[in-house]
All heavy atoms as atom14 arrays in JSON, in Angstrom:
{
  "sequence": "LYLDRYSDTDIIDINMGCPVPKVVKGGAGSALMKEPDKIYEMVSK",
  "atom14_mask": [
    [1, 1, 1, 1, 1, 1, 1, 1, 0, 0, 0, 0, 0, 0],
    [1, 1, 1, 1, 1, 1, 1, 1, 1, 1, 1, 1, 0, 0],
    [1, 1, 1, 1, 1, 1, 1, 1, 0, 0, 0, 0, 0, 0],
    [1, 1, 1, 1, 1, 1, 1, 1, 0, 0, 0, 0, 0, 0],
    [1, 1, 1, 1, 1, 1, 1, 1, 1, 1, 1, 0, 0, 0],
    [1, 1, 1, 1, 1, 1, 1, 1, 1, 1, 1, 1, 0, 0],
    [1, 1, 1, 1, 1, 1, 0, 0, 0, 0, 0, 0, 0, 0],
    [1, 1, 1, 1, 1, 1, 1, 1, 0, 0, 0, 0, 0, 0],
    [1, 1, 1, 1, 1, 1, 1, 0, 0, 0, 0, 0, 0, 0],
    [1, 1, 1, 1, 1, 1, 1, 1, 0, 0, 0, 0, 0, 0],
    [1, 1, 1, 1, 1, 1, 1, 1, 0, 0, 0, 0, 0, 0],
    [1, 1, 1, 1, 1, 1, 1, 1, 0, 0, 0, 0, 0, 0],
    [1, 1, 1, 1, 1, 1, 1, 1, 0, 0, 0, 0, 0, 0],
    [1, 1, 1, 1, 1, 1, 1, 1, 0, 0, 0, 0, 0, 0],
    [1, 1, 1, 1, 1, 1, 1, 1, 0, 0, 0, 0, 0, 0],
    [1, 1, 1, 1, 1, 1, 1, 1, 0, 0, 0, 0, 0, 0],
    [1, 1, 1, 1, 0, 0, 0, 0, 0, 0, 0, 0, 0, 0],
    [1, 1, 1, 1, 1, 1, 0, 0, 0, 0, 0, 0, 0, 0],
    [1, 1, 1, 1, 1, 1, 1, 0, 0, 0, 0, 0, 0, 0],
    [1, 1, 1, 1, 1, 1, 1, 0, 0, 0, 0, 0, 0, 0],
    [1, 1, 1, 1, 1, 1, 1, 0, 0, 0, 0, 0, 0, 0],
    [1, 1, 1, 1, 1, 1, 1, 1, 1, 0, 0, 0, 0, 0],
    [1, 1, 1, 1, 1, 1, 1, 0, 0, 0, 0, 0, 0, 0],
    [1, 1, 1, 1, 1, 1, 1, 0, 0, 0, 0, 0, 0, 0],
    [1, 1, 1, 1, 1, 1, 1, 1, 1, 0, 0, 0, 0, 0],
    [1, 1, 1, 1, 0, 0, 0, 0, 0, 0, 0, 0, 0, 0],
    [1, 1, 1, 1, 0, 0, 0, 0, 0, 0, 0, 0, 0, 0],
    [1, 1, 1, 1, 1, 0, 0, 0, 0, 0, 0, 0, 0, 0],
    [1, 1, 1, 1, 0, 0, 0, 0, 0, 0, 0, 0, 0, 0],
    [1, 1, 1, 1, 1, 1, 0, 0, 0, 0, 0, 0, 0, 0],
    [1, 1, 1, 1, 1, 0, 0, 0, 0, 0, 0, 0, 0, 0],
    [1, 1, 1, 1, 1, 1, 1, 1, 0, 0, 0, 0, 0, 0],
    [1, 1, 1, 1, 1, 1, 1, 1, 0, 0, 0, 0, 0, 0],
    [1, 1, 1, 1, 1, 1, 1, 1, 1, 0, 0, 0, 0, 0],
    [1, 1, 1, 1, 1, 1, 1, 1, 1, 0, 0, 0, 0, 0],
    [1, 1, 1, 1, 1, 1, 1, 0, 0, 0, 0, 0, 0, 0],
    [1, 1, 1, 1, 1, 1, 1, 1, 0, 0, 0, 0, 0, 0],
    [1, 1, 1, 1, 1, 1, 1, 1, 1, 0, 0, 0, 0, 0],
    [1, 1, 1, 1, 1, 1, 1, 1, 0, 0, 0, 0, 0, 0],
    [1, 1, 1, 1, 1, 1, 1, 1, 1, 1, 1, 1, 0, 0],
    [1, 1, 1, 1, 1, 1, 1, 1, 1, 0, 0, 0, 0, 0],
    [1, 1, 1, 1, 1, 1, 1, 1, 0, 0, 0, 0, 0, 0],
    [1, 1, 1, 1, 1, 1, 1, 0, 0, 0, 0, 0, 0, 0],
    [1, 1, 1, 1, 1, 1, 0, 0, 0, 0, 0, 0, 0, 0],
    [1, 1, 1, 1, 1, 1, 1, 1, 1, 0, 0, 0, 0, 0]
  ],
  "atom14_positions": [
    [[104.01, 96.86, 118.61], [103.88, 96.6, 120.05], [102.46, 96.16, 120.4], [102.27, 95.28, 121.25], [104.25, 97.85, 120.84], [105.74, 98.08, 121.09], [105.99, 99.48, 121.63], [106.3, 97.03, 122.04], [0.0, 0.0, 0.0], [0.0, 0.0, 0.0], [0.0, 0.0, 0.0], [0.0, 0.0, 0.0], [0.0, 0.0, 0.0], [0.0, 0.0, 0.0]],
    [[101.49, 96.76, 119.75], [100.1, 96.36, 119.99], [99.92, 94.88, 119.63], [99.34, 94.1, 120.4], [99.12, 97.22, 119.17], [97.7, 96.76, 119.34], [96.9, 97.25, 120.38], [97.14, 95.79, 118.49], [95.61, 96.8, 120.57], [95.85, 95.33, 118.67], [95.09, 95.83, 119.72], [93.82, 95.36, 119.91], [0.0, 0.0, 0.0], [0.0, 0.0, 0.0]],
    [[100.41, 94.49, 118.45], [100.28, 93.08, 118.03], [101.05, 92.16, 118.97], [100.61, 91.05, 119.28], [100.8, 92.91, 116.6], [100.0, 93.6, 115.49], [100.67, 93.37, 114.14], [98.56, 93.11, 115.46], [0.0, 0.0, 0.0], [0.0, 0.0, 0.0], [0.0, 0.0, 0.0], [0.0, 0.0, 0.0], [0.0, 0.0, 0.0], [0.0, 0.0, 0.0]],
    [[102.19, 92.62, 119.42], [103.02, 91.82, 120.32], [102.31, 91.56, 121.64], [102.39, 90.45, 122.18], [104.34, 92.56, 120.57], [105.44, 91.65, 121.09], [105.67, 90.59, 120.47], [106.06, 92.0, 122.1], [0.0, 0.0, 0.0], [0.0, 0.0, 0.0], [0.0, 0.0, 0.0], [0.0, 0.0, 0.0], [0.0, 0.0, 0.0], [0.0, 0.0, 0.0]],
    [[101.61, 92.54, 122.13], [100.99, 92.44, 123.46], [99.57, 91.89, 123.44], [99.16, 91.16, 124.33], [100.97, 93.83, 124.11], [102.35, 94.37, 124.45], [102.27, 95.85, 124.82], [103.59, 96.4, 125.15], [103.84, 97.7, 125.25], [102.87, 98.59, 125.04], [105.05, 98.13, 125.57], [0.0, 0.0, 0.0], [0.0, 0.0, 0.0], [0.0, 0.0, 0.0]],
    [[98.81, 92.28, 122.4], [97.38, 92.01, 122.46], [96.84, 91.06, 121.39], [95.68, 90.66, 121.45], [96.6, 93.33, 122.38], [97.01, 94.31, 123.45], [97.63, 95.5, 123.13], [96.77, 94.03, 124.8], [98.02, 96.4, 124.12], [97.15, 94.92, 125.79], [97.78, 96.1, 125.44], [98.15, 96.98, 126.42], [0.0, 0.0, 0.0], [0.0, 0.0, 0.0]],
    [[97.66, 90.71, 120.43], [97.2, 89.79, 119.39], [97.78, 88.4, 119.64], [98.87, 88.25, 120.18], [97.64, 90.28, 118.01], [97.43, 89.28, 117.03], [0.0, 0.0, 0.0], [0.0, 0.0, 0.0], [0.0, 0.0, 0.0], [0.0, 0.0, 0.0], [0.0, 0.0, 0.0], [0.0, 0.0, 0.0], [0.0, 0.0, 0.0], [0.0, 0.0, 0.0]],
    [[97.04, 87.37, 119.21], [97.53, 86.0, 119.33], [98.38, 85.59, 118.14], [98.7, 84.41, 117.97], [96.35, 85.03, 119.46], [95.7, 85.12, 120.83], [96.4, 85.46, 121.8], [94.49, 84.86, 120.93], [0.0, 0.0, 0.0], [0.0, 0.0, 0.0], [0.0, 0.0, 0.0], [0.0, 0.0, 0.0], [0.0, 0.0, 0.0], [0.0, 0.0, 0.0]],
    [[98.73, 86.55, 117.28], [99.58, 86.22, 116.15], [100.92, 85.66, 116.63], [101.43, 86.04, 117.69], [99.82, 87.45, 115.24], [100.53, 87.01, 114.07], [100.64, 88.52, 115.93], [0.0, 0.0, 0.0], [0.0, 0.0, 0.0], [0.0, 0.0, 0.0], [0.0, 0.0, 0.0], [0.0, 0.0, 0.0], [0.0, 0.0, 0.0], [0.0, 0.0, 0.0]],
    [[101.5, 84.77, 115.84], [102.8, 84.19, 116.18], [103.95, 85.02, 115.61], [105.05, 85.02, 116.15], [102.89, 82.77, 115.62], [101.78, 81.87, 116.15], [101.83, 81.55, 117.35], [100.87, 81.52, 115.38], [0.0, 0.0, 0.0], [0.0, 0.0, 0.0], [0.0, 0.0, 0.0], [0.0, 0.0, 0.0], [0.0, 0.0, 0.0], [0.0, 0.0, 0.0]],
    [[103.67, 85.7, 114.49], [104.7, 86.43, 113.75], [104.15, 87.79, 113.37], [102.97, 87.93, 113.04], [105.1, 85.65, 112.46], [105.72, 84.29, 112.82], [106.04, 86.47, 111.58], [105.79, 83.33, 111.64], [0.0, 0.0, 0.0], [0.0, 0.0, 0.0], [0.0, 0.0, 0.0], [0.0, 0.0, 0.0], [0.0, 0.0, 0.0], [0.0, 0.0, 0.0]],
    [[105.01, 88.81, 113.41], [104.63, 90.15, 112.96], [105.33, 90.41, 111.63], [106.56, 90.39, 111.55], [105.05, 91.22, 113.99], [104.32, 90.99, 115.32], [104.75, 92.63, 113.45], [104.86, 91.83, 116.47], [0.0, 0.0, 0.0], [0.0, 0.0, 0.0], [0.0, 0.0, 0.0], [0.0, 0.0, 0.0], [0.0, 0.0, 0.0], [0.0, 0.0, 0.0]],
    [[104.53, 90.61, 110.58], [105.08, 90.8, 109.24], [104.92, 92.26, 108.83], [103.87, 92.87, 109.04], [104.35, 89.89, 108.24], [105.03, 89.87, 106.88], [106.24, 89.6, 106.83], [104.35, 90.12, 105.87], [0.0, 0.0, 0.0], [0.0, 0.0, 0.0], [0.0, 0.0, 0.0], [0.0, 0.0, 0.0], [0.0, 0.0, 0.0], [0.0, 0.0, 0.0]],
    [[105.97, 92.83, 108.25], [105.93, 94.22, 107.8], [105.82, 94.24, 106.28], [106.63, 93.64, 105.57], [107.21, 94.98, 108.21], [107.4, 94.93, 109.74], [107.14, 96.44, 107.73], [108.73, 95.5, 110.19], [0.0, 0.0, 0.0], [0.0, 0.0, 0.0], [0.0, 0.0, 0.0], [0.0, 0.0, 0.0], [0.0, 0.0, 0.0], [0.0, 0.0, 0.0]],
    [[104.81, 94.96, 105.79], [104.59, 95.03, 104.35], [105.43, 96.14, 103.72], [105.26, 97.32, 104.04], [103.11, 95.27, 104.04], [102.84, 95.3, 102.54], [103.31, 96.18, 101.84], [102.08, 94.33, 102.07], [0.0, 0.0, 0.0], [0.0, 0.0, 0.0], [0.0, 0.0, 0.0], [0.0, 0.0, 0.0], [0.0, 0.0, 0.0], [0.0, 0.0, 0.0]],
    [[106.32, 95.74, 102.81], [107.09, 96.69, 102.01], [106.96, 96.32, 100.55], [107.84, 96.59, 99.74], [108.56, 96.69, 102.45], [108.75, 97.15, 103.88], [110.49, 97.31, 104.33], [110.33, 97.8, 106.06], [0.0, 0.0, 0.0], [0.0, 0.0, 0.0], [0.0, 0.0, 0.0], [0.0, 0.0, 0.0], [0.0, 0.0, 0.0], [0.0, 0.0, 0.0]],
    [[105.82, 95.67, 100.22], [105.64, 95.19, 98.86], [104.37, 95.63, 98.17], [104.25, 95.52, 96.96], [0.0, 0.0, 0.0], [0.0, 0.0, 0.0], [0.0, 0.0, 0.0], [0.0, 0.0, 0.0], [0.0, 0.0, 0.0], [0.0, 0.0, 0.0], [0.0, 0.0, 0.0], [0.0, 0.0, 0.0], [0.0, 0.0, 0.0], [0.0, 0.0, 0.0]],
    [[103.39, 96.15, 98.93], [102.11, 96.5, 98.31], [102.29, 97.6, 97.26], [102.87, 98.64, 97.55], [101.11, 96.95, 99.37], [99.5, 97.4, 98.67], [0.0, 0.0, 0.0], [0.0, 0.0, 0.0], [0.0, 0.0, 0.0], [0.0, 0.0, 0.0], [0.0, 0.0, 0.0], [0.0, 0.0, 0.0], [0.0, 0.0, 0.0], [0.0, 0.0, 0.0]],
    [[101.77, 97.39, 96.03], [101.93, 98.4, 94.97], [100.73, 99.32, 94.8], [100.74, 100.18, 93.92], [102.09, 97.51, 93.73], [101.15, 96.37, 93.99], [101.21, 96.12, 95.5], [0.0, 0.0, 0.0], [0.0, 0.0, 0.0], [0.0, 0.0, 0.0], [0.0, 0.0, 0.0], [0.0, 0.0, 0.0], [0.0, 0.0, 0.0], [0.0, 0.0, 0.0]],
    [[99.69, 99.15, 95.62], [98.44, 99.91, 95.45], [98.7, 101.41, 95.62], [99.33, 101.83, 96.6], [97.38, 99.42, 96.47], [96.12, 100.27, 96.4], [97.04, 97.95, 96.2], [0.0, 0.0, 0.0], [0.0, 0.0, 0.0], [0.0, 0.0, 0.0], [0.0, 0.0, 0.0], [0.0, 0.0, 0.0], [0.0, 0.0, 0.0], [0.0, 0.0, 0.0]],
    [[98.21, 102.23, 94.68], [98.49, 103.68, 94.72], [98.19, 104.35, 96.06], [98.98, 105.17, 96.53], [97.59, 104.22, 93.6], [97.52, 103.1, 92.62], [97.49, 101.85, 93.45], [0.0, 0.0, 0.0], [0.0, 0.0, 0.0], [0.0, 0.0, 0.0], [0.0, 0.0, 0.0], [0.0, 0.0, 0.0], [0.0, 0.0, 0.0], [0.0, 0.0, 0.0]],
    [[97.05, 104.05, 96.67], [96.7, 104.75, 97.92], [97.65, 104.38, 99.06], [97.78, 105.14, 100.02], [95.25, 104.46, 98.32], [94.96, 103.06, 98.76], [93.49, 102.93, 99.18], [93.17, 101.52, 99.68], [91.76, 101.39, 100.09], [0.0, 0.0, 0.0], [0.0, 0.0, 0.0], [0.0, 0.0, 0.0], [0.0, 0.0, 0.0], [0.0, 0.0, 0.0]],
    [[98.33, 103.23, 98.95], [99.29, 102.82, 99.97], [100.65, 103.5, 99.71], [101.24, 104.09, 100.6], [99.44, 101.29, 100.02], [100.59, 100.88, 100.94], [98.14, 100.64, 100.48], [0.0, 0.0, 0.0], [0.0, 0.0, 0.0], [0.0, 0.0, 0.0], [0.0, 0.0, 0.0], [0.0, 0.0, 0.0], [0.0, 0.0, 0.0], [0.0, 0.0, 0.0]],
    [[101.12, 103.39, 98.47], [102.44, 103.95, 98.16], [102.43, 105.48, 98.17], [103.46, 106.12, 98.42], [102.98, 103.42, 96.82], [103.16, 101.92, 96.87], [102.09, 103.8, 95.65], [0.0, 0.0, 0.0], [0.0, 0.0, 0.0], [0.0, 0.0, 0.0], [0.0, 0.0, 0.0], [0.0, 0.0, 0.0], [0.0, 0.0, 0.0], [0.0, 0.0, 0.0]],
    [[101.27, 106.07, 97.92], [101.16, 107.53, 97.95], [101.54, 108.09, 99.31], [102.11, 109.17, 99.44], [99.73, 107.95, 97.58], [99.55, 109.45, 97.43], [98.12, 109.79, 97.03], [97.93, 111.29, 96.88], [96.53, 111.64, 96.51], [0.0, 0.0, 0.0], [0.0, 0.0, 0.0], [0.0, 0.0, 0.0], [0.0, 0.0, 0.0], [0.0, 0.0, 0.0]],
    [[101.25, 107.31, 100.36], [101.59, 107.74, 101.71], [102.99, 107.3, 102.14], [103.35, 107.42, 103.31], [0.0, 0.0, 0.0], [0.0, 0.0, 0.0], [0.0, 0.0, 0.0], [0.0, 0.0, 0.0], [0.0, 0.0, 0.0], [0.0, 0.0, 0.0], [0.0, 0.0, 0.0], [0.0, 0.0, 0.0], [0.0, 0.0, 0.0], [0.0, 0.0, 0.0]],
    [[103.75, 106.73, 101.2], [105.13, 106.33, 101.52], [105.24, 104.94, 102.11], [106.32, 104.53, 102.53], [0.0, 0.0, 0.0], [0.0, 0.0, 0.0], [0.0, 0.0, 0.0], [0.0, 0.0, 0.0], [0.0, 0.0, 0.0], [0.0, 0.0, 0.0], [0.0, 0.0, 0.0], [0.0, 0.0, 0.0], [0.0, 0.0, 0.0], [0.0, 0.0, 0.0]],
    [[104.13, 104.18, 102.14], [104.15, 102.83, 102.7], [104.24, 101.8, 101.6], [104.38, 102.12, 100.42], [102.89, 102.62, 103.55], [0.0, 0.0, 0.0], [0.0, 0.0, 0.0], [0.0, 0.0, 0.0], [0.0, 0.0, 0.0], [0.0, 0.0, 0.0], [0.0, 0.0, 0.0], [0.0, 0.0, 0.0], [0.0, 0.0, 0.0], [0.0, 0.0, 0.0]],
    [[104.15, 100.51, 102.0], [104.21, 99.44, 101.02], [105.51, 99.47, 100.24], [106.59, 99.72, 100.79], [0.0, 0.0, 0.0], [0.0, 0.0, 0.0], [0.0, 0.0, 0.0], [0.0, 0.0, 0.0], [0.0, 0.0, 0.0], [0.0, 0.0, 0.0], [0.0, 0.0, 0.0], [0.0, 0.0, 0.0], [0.0, 0.0, 0.0], [0.0, 0.0, 0.0]],
    [[105.41, 99.27, 98.93], [106.63, 99.19, 98.11], [107.33, 100.53, 97.95], [108.47, 100.57, 97.47], [106.31, 98.58, 96.74], [105.27, 99.28, 96.11], [0.0, 0.0, 0.0], [0.0, 0.0, 0.0], [0.0, 0.0, 0.0], [0.0, 0.0, 0.0], [0.0, 0.0, 0.0], [0.0, 0.0, 0.0], [0.0, 0.0, 0.0], [0.0, 0.0, 0.0]],
    [[106.69, 101.63, 98.37], [107.38, 102.93, 98.34], [108.6, 102.91, 99.25], [109.58, 103.64, 99.03], [106.44, 104.05, 98.75], [0.0, 0.0, 0.0], [0.0, 0.0, 0.0], [0.0, 0.0, 0.0], [0.0, 0.0, 0.0], [0.0, 0.0, 0.0], [0.0, 0.0, 0.0], [0.0, 0.0, 0.0], [0.0, 0.0, 0.0], [0.0, 0.0, 0.0]],
    [[108.56, 102.07, 100.29], [109.7, 101.99, 101.21], [110.95, 101.42, 100.53], [112.07, 101.63, 101.01], [109.33, 101.13, 102.42], [108.4, 101.81, 103.44], [107.81, 100.79, 104.4], [109.15, 102.9, 104.21], [0.0, 0.0, 0.0], [0.0, 0.0, 0.0], [0.0, 0.0, 0.0], [0.0, 0.0, 0.0], [0.0, 0.0, 0.0], [0.0, 0.0, 0.0]],
    [[110.76, 100.72, 99.41], [111.93, 100.17, 98.69], [112.85, 101.29, 98.2], [114.02, 101.05, 97.9], [111.47, 99.32, 97.5], [110.7, 98.05, 97.88], [111.69, 96.85, 98.81], [112.9, 96.34, 97.58], [0.0, 0.0, 0.0], [0.0, 0.0, 0.0], [0.0, 0.0, 0.0], [0.0, 0.0, 0.0], [0.0, 0.0, 0.0], [0.0, 0.0, 0.0]],
    [[112.33, 102.5, 98.15], [113.15, 103.64, 97.71], [113.98, 104.24, 98.85], [114.8, 105.13, 98.62], [112.25, 104.74, 97.12], [111.5, 104.32, 95.87], [110.8, 105.48, 95.2], [109.57, 105.93, 95.95], [108.82, 106.98, 95.19], [0.0, 0.0, 0.0], [0.0, 0.0, 0.0], [0.0, 0.0, 0.0], [0.0, 0.0, 0.0], [0.0, 0.0, 0.0]],
    [[113.76, 103.72, 100.09], [114.44, 104.3, 101.25], [115.1, 103.22, 102.11], [114.63, 102.92, 103.22], [113.44, 105.09, 102.09], [112.77, 106.23, 101.36], [111.88, 107.05, 102.27], [112.43, 107.89, 103.03], [110.66, 106.84, 102.25], [0.0, 0.0, 0.0], [0.0, 0.0, 0.0], [0.0, 0.0, 0.0], [0.0, 0.0, 0.0], [0.0, 0.0, 0.0]],
    [[116.19, 102.64, 101.65], [116.86, 101.57, 102.4], [117.25, 101.95, 103.82], [117.12, 101.13, 104.74], [118.11, 101.28, 101.54], [117.72, 101.68, 100.16], [116.84, 102.88, 100.35], [0.0, 0.0, 0.0], [0.0, 0.0, 0.0], [0.0, 0.0, 0.0], [0.0, 0.0, 0.0], [0.0, 0.0, 0.0], [0.0, 0.0, 0.0], [0.0, 0.0, 0.0]],
    [[117.71, 103.19, 104.03], [118.09, 103.6, 105.39], [116.87, 103.6, 106.32], [116.97, 103.21, 107.49], [118.72, 105.0, 105.37], [120.09, 105.01, 104.7], [120.68, 103.92, 104.57], [120.55, 106.09, 104.3], [0.0, 0.0, 0.0], [0.0, 0.0, 0.0], [0.0, 0.0, 0.0], [0.0, 0.0, 0.0], [0.0, 0.0, 0.0], [0.0, 0.0, 0.0]],
    [[115.76, 104.04, 105.79], [114.53, 104.06, 106.59], [114.08, 102.63, 106.89], [113.58, 102.34, 107.99], [113.42, 104.81, 105.85], [112.15, 104.99, 106.68], [111.15, 105.89, 105.94], [109.91, 106.13, 106.79], [108.93, 107.02, 106.1], [0.0, 0.0, 0.0], [0.0, 0.0, 0.0], [0.0, 0.0, 0.0], [0.0, 0.0, 0.0], [0.0, 0.0, 0.0]],
    [[114.26, 101.73, 105.94], [113.91, 100.32, 106.15], [114.71, 99.77, 107.33], [114.16, 99.11, 108.21], [114.19, 99.49, 104.87], [113.16, 99.81, 103.8], [114.17, 97.98, 105.19], [113.41, 99.14, 102.46], [0.0, 0.0, 0.0], [0.0, 0.0, 0.0], [0.0, 0.0, 0.0], [0.0, 0.0, 0.0], [0.0, 0.0, 0.0], [0.0, 0.0, 0.0]],
    [[116.01, 100.05, 107.33], [116.84, 99.55, 108.43], [116.37, 100.1, 109.78], [116.23, 99.36, 110.76], [118.32, 99.92, 108.23], [119.18, 99.44, 109.39], [119.58, 98.11, 109.46], [119.54, 100.3, 110.43], [120.32, 97.64, 110.53], [120.27, 99.85, 111.5], [120.67, 98.51, 111.54], [121.39, 98.05, 112.62], [0.0, 0.0, 0.0], [0.0, 0.0, 0.0]],
    [[116.11, 101.4, 109.82], [115.69, 102.01, 111.07], [114.35, 101.44, 111.54], [114.19, 101.1, 112.73], [115.57, 103.53, 110.9], [115.24, 104.26, 112.21], [115.14, 105.76, 112.03], [115.31, 106.27, 110.9], [114.87, 106.45, 113.05], [0.0, 0.0, 0.0], [0.0, 0.0, 0.0], [0.0, 0.0, 0.0], [0.0, 0.0, 0.0], [0.0, 0.0, 0.0]],
    [[113.4, 101.3, 110.62], [112.08, 100.8, 110.99], [112.15, 99.37, 111.5], [111.64, 99.05, 112.58], [111.13, 100.86, 109.78], [109.72, 100.36, 110.08], [108.65, 100.38, 108.61], [108.4, 102.14, 108.37], [0.0, 0.0, 0.0], [0.0, 0.0, 0.0], [0.0, 0.0, 0.0], [0.0, 0.0, 0.0], [0.0, 0.0, 0.0], [0.0, 0.0, 0.0]],
    [[112.81, 98.5, 110.75], [112.86, 97.09, 111.13], [113.65, 96.9, 112.43], [113.21, 96.18, 113.34], [113.46, 96.23, 110.0], [113.61, 94.76, 110.44], [112.6, 96.31, 108.74], [0.0, 0.0, 0.0], [0.0, 0.0, 0.0], [0.0, 0.0, 0.0], [0.0, 0.0, 0.0], [0.0, 0.0, 0.0], [0.0, 0.0, 0.0], [0.0, 0.0, 0.0]],
    [[114.81, 97.55, 112.54], [115.65, 97.36, 113.72], [114.95, 97.85, 114.99], [115.04, 97.21, 116.05], [117.0, 98.06, 113.56], [116.83, 99.45, 113.39], [0.0, 0.0, 0.0], [0.0, 0.0, 0.0], [0.0, 0.0, 0.0], [0.0, 0.0, 0.0], [0.0, 0.0, 0.0], [0.0, 0.0, 0.0], [0.0, 0.0, 0.0], [0.0, 0.0, 0.0]],
    [[114.25, 98.97, 114.9], [113.56, 99.5, 116.08], [112.37, 98.63, 116.48], [112.09, 98.46, 117.67], [113.12, 100.94, 115.83], [114.28, 101.92, 115.86], [113.82, 103.37, 115.76], [115.0, 104.33, 115.96], [114.58, 105.75, 115.84], [0.0, 0.0, 0.0], [0.0, 0.0, 0.0], [0.0, 0.0, 0.0], [0.0, 0.0, 0.0], [0.0, 0.0, 0.0]]
  ]
}
């Protein structure tokens, strides 16, 4: 929502591919590939 309202970006991209340990350790990046239901909820919302 912040990017939608305050950034001049044209597209909002969600990262579900980063393999870096400090990112996936927190459940982000490619760690989300293990949770398809969560992916649907996050993207749809």
